[in-house]
């Protein structure tokens, strides 16, 4: 179960992004975040009882749901990505970084050969830096996001030619 501080951090990240809806399920627990202009925030607990969260942002709603919706990349329509290319996707909402520090070389560039489980980037979420590994062996043919960009759960980050 997510802690209140983790939920607040998700709300903050989504508030800063262009995301209007976020749904997440983990080990039978799930939340749904939606941005509404001019509405009060309401939290629906697992029992379905509403709890007022007016102090948070005043624009989001969190509800219990039993599924997860994966949103698509914004830089390129998913329908234009060839089926022959493998997508490495973000496993979480966070900030994408191509290197471990601003003065370090990027983990990968276009043309880099990657092996399964080799680190391709970092996604910072809730003050934690999470290394994202390739799930296939191949060559990076396209990087779909910019350094420092907020990424969504399930958003394609790289295209790999296997």
Protein backbone atom coordinates (compact mmCIF):
# COMPACT_ATOMS: atom_id res chain seq x y z
CA UNK A 1 0.00 0.00 0.00
CA UNK A 2 1.31 3.44 -0.86
CA UNK A 3 2.07 5.77 2.03
CA UNK A 4 0.44 9.21 2.20
CA UNK A 5 3.79 10.88 1.44
CA UNK A 6 4.22 8.72 -1.70
CA UNK A 7 0.71 9.64 -2.86
CA UNK A 8 1.47 13.33 -2.27
CA UNK A 9 4.67 12.99 -4.35
CA UNK A 10 2.70 11.34 -7.18
CA UNK A 11 0.18 14.18 -7.05
CA UNK A 12 3.02 16.73 -7.19
CA UNK A 13 4.66 15.01 -10.19
CA UNK A 14 1.38 14.70 -12.06
CA UNK A 15 0.45 18.31 -11.24
CA UNK A 16 3.70 19.49 -12.88
CA UNK A 17 3.14 17.34 -15.97
CA UNK A 18 0.65 17.45 -18.80
CA UNK A 19 -0.85 14.16 -17.59
CA UNK A 20 -4.57 14.49 -16.87
CA UNK A 21 -5.17 10.94 -15.62
CA UNK A 22 -2.99 8.29 -13.94
CA UNK A 23 -3.99 4.82 -12.80
CA UNK A 24 -1.74 2.36 -10.96
CA UNK A 25 -2.15 -1.12 -9.47
CA UNK A 26 0.36 -2.99 -7.35
CA UNK A 27 -0.21 -6.16 -5.32
CA UNK A 28 -3.98 -5.77 -5.33
CA UNK A 29 -3.93 -2.10 -4.29
CA UNK A 30 -4.64 0.60 -6.81
CA UNK A 31 -5.11 4.33 -7.15
CA UNK A 32 -6.40 6.64 -9.85
CA UNK A 33 -5.36 10.29 -10.10
CA UNK A 34 -7.24 12.80 -12.26
CA UNK A 35 -6.70 16.52 -12.66
CA UNK A 36 -9.81 18.67 -12.57
CA UNK A 37 -9.88 22.44 -12.78
CA UNK A 38 -11.76 24.14 -9.93
CA UNK A 39 -12.86 20.97 -8.10
CA UNK A 40 -12.12 19.72 -4.62
CA UNK A 41 -9.90 16.71 -4.01
CA UNK A 42 -11.47 13.55 -2.71
CA UNK A 43 -9.79 10.33 -1.66
CA UNK A 44 -11.78 7.10 -1.88
CA UNK A 45 -10.38 4.49 0.48
CA UNK A 46 -10.45 0.77 -0.26
CA UNK A 47 -13.91 0.64 1.34
CA UNK A 48 -15.13 3.37 -1.00
CA UNK A 49 -15.63 5.91 1.79
CA UNK A 50 -14.68 9.44 0.66
CA UNK A 51 -12.11 11.37 2.67
CA UNK A 52 -11.58 15.09 1.96
CA UNK A 53 -8.04 16.05 0.88
CA UNK A 54 -8.67 19.75 0.26
CA UNK A 55 -5.27 20.66 1.65
CA UNK A 56 -3.35 18.81 -1.09
CA UNK A 57 -3.82 20.65 -4.38
CA UNK A 58 -7.57 21.05 -4.85
CA UNK A 59 -7.46 19.58 -8.37
CA UNK A 60 -6.83 15.85 -8.11
CA UNK A 61 -9.05 12.93 -7.25
CA UNK A 62 -7.74 9.58 -6.05
CA UNK A 63 -9.95 6.52 -6.34
CA UNK A 64 -9.62 2.80 -5.88
CA UNK A 65 -9.50 0.91 -9.22
CA UNK A 66 -8.61 -2.62 -10.26
CA UNK A 67 -6.70 -1.95 -13.49
CA UNK A 68 -3.84 0.09 -14.89
CA UNK A 69 -3.96 2.23 -18.02
CA UNK A 70 -0.67 2.70 -19.82
CA UNK A 71 -0.32 6.03 -21.56
CA UNK A 72 1.61 6.42 -24.77
CA UNK A 73 4.64 8.49 -25.62
CA UNK A 74 4.04 12.11 -26.58
CA UNK A 75 7.03 12.64 -28.84
CA UNK A 76 5.83 10.11 -31.38
CA UNK A 77 2.49 8.45 -32.01
CA UNK A 78 2.56 4.78 -31.00
CA UNK A 79 0.90 3.92 -34.29
CA UNK A 80 4.01 5.18 -36.12
CA UNK A 81 6.42 2.93 -34.19
CA UNK A 82 7.18 -0.14 -36.35
CA UNK A 83 6.36 -3.52 -34.83
CA UNK A 84 9.90 -4.65 -35.71
CA UNK A 85 11.33 -2.34 -33.03
CA UNK A 86 11.20 -3.13 -29.32
CA UNK A 87 10.13 -0.36 -26.90
CA UNK A 88 11.92 0.05 -23.58
CA UNK A 89 9.28 1.68 -21.38
CA UNK A 90 9.34 3.53 -18.10
CA UNK A 91 8.22 1.34 -15.18
CA UNK A 92 7.18 4.41 -13.18
CA UNK A 93 6.30 8.09 -13.21
CA UNK A 94 9.38 10.23 -12.70
CA UNK A 95 12.09 12.35 -14.27
CA UNK A 96 14.20 10.81 -17.06
CA UNK A 97 17.98 11.20 -16.94
CA UNK A 98 20.30 9.87 -19.64
CA UNK A 99 23.37 9.86 -17.36
CA UNK A 100 24.19 9.27 -13.70
CA UNK A 101 25.25 12.93 -13.30
CA UNK A 102 25.21 16.08 -15.45
CA UNK A 103 28.95 15.78 -16.23
CA UNK A 104 28.89 12.02 -16.95
CA UNK A 105 28.55 10.40 -20.35
CA UNK A 106 25.04 9.11 -21.16
CA UNK A 107 24.39 5.43 -20.53
CA UNK A 108 23.37 4.96 -24.18
CA UNK A 109 23.18 6.93 -27.41
CA UNK A 110 21.69 6.18 -30.81
CA UNK A 111 23.73 3.29 -32.20
CA UNK A 112 24.73 1.90 -28.80
CA UNK A 113 24.55 -1.90 -28.58
CA UNK A 114 22.80 -2.97 -25.38
CA UNK A 115 22.62 -6.33 -23.66
CA UNK A 116 19.69 -7.59 -21.67
CA UNK A 117 19.82 -6.11 -18.15
CA UNK A 118 22.32 -3.35 -19.06
CA UNK A 119 21.44 0.09 -17.66
CA UNK A 120 20.04 2.50 -20.28
CA UNK A 121 18.93 5.46 -18.11
CA UNK A 122 17.75 6.62 -14.71
CA UNK A 123 14.22 7.60 -13.69
CA UNK A 124 14.02 9.66 -10.52
CA UNK A 125 10.83 9.06 -8.57
CA UNK A 126 10.11 10.26 -5.04
CA UNK A 127 13.75 11.33 -4.52
CA UNK A 128 15.01 7.84 -5.50
CA UNK A 129 17.17 7.28 -8.57
CA UNK A 130 16.05 4.07 -10.28
CA UNK A 131 18.30 2.50 -12.92
CA UNK A 132 16.27 1.31 -15.91
CA UNK A 133 17.67 -1.77 -17.64
CA UNK A 134 17.21 -3.00 -21.18
CA UNK A 135 14.90 -6.00 -21.36
CA UNK A 136 16.26 -7.14 -24.74
CA UNK A 137 19.58 -7.31 -26.56
CA UNK A 138 19.96 -5.03 -29.55
CA UNK A 139 20.87 -1.57 -30.86
CA UNK A 140 19.35 1.72 -29.70
CA UNK A 141 17.82 3.30 -32.82
CA UNK A 142 15.84 6.13 -31.23
CA UNK A 143 15.66 7.97 -27.91
CA UNK A 144 12.07 9.16 -27.46
CA UNK A 145 12.48 11.52 -24.48
CA UNK A 146 14.71 14.44 -23.51
CA UNK A 147 17.04 14.58 -20.52
CA UNK A 148 15.18 15.98 -17.49
CA UNK A 149 11.74 15.28 -19.00
CA UNK A 150 8.91 13.99 -16.83
CA UNK A 151 7.92 10.50 -18.02
CA UNK A 152 4.79 8.49 -17.38
CA UNK A 153 4.33 4.87 -16.38
CA UNK A 154 4.48 2.73 -19.52
CA UNK A 155 5.79 5.56 -21.71
CA UNK A 156 8.28 4.34 -24.34
CA UNK A 157 11.77 5.74 -23.70
CA UNK A 158 13.89 3.97 -26.32
CA UNK A 159 13.40 2.01 -29.52
CA UNK A 160 15.68 -1.01 -29.91
CA UNK A 161 16.39 -3.02 -33.05
CA UNK A 162 16.78 -6.62 -31.85
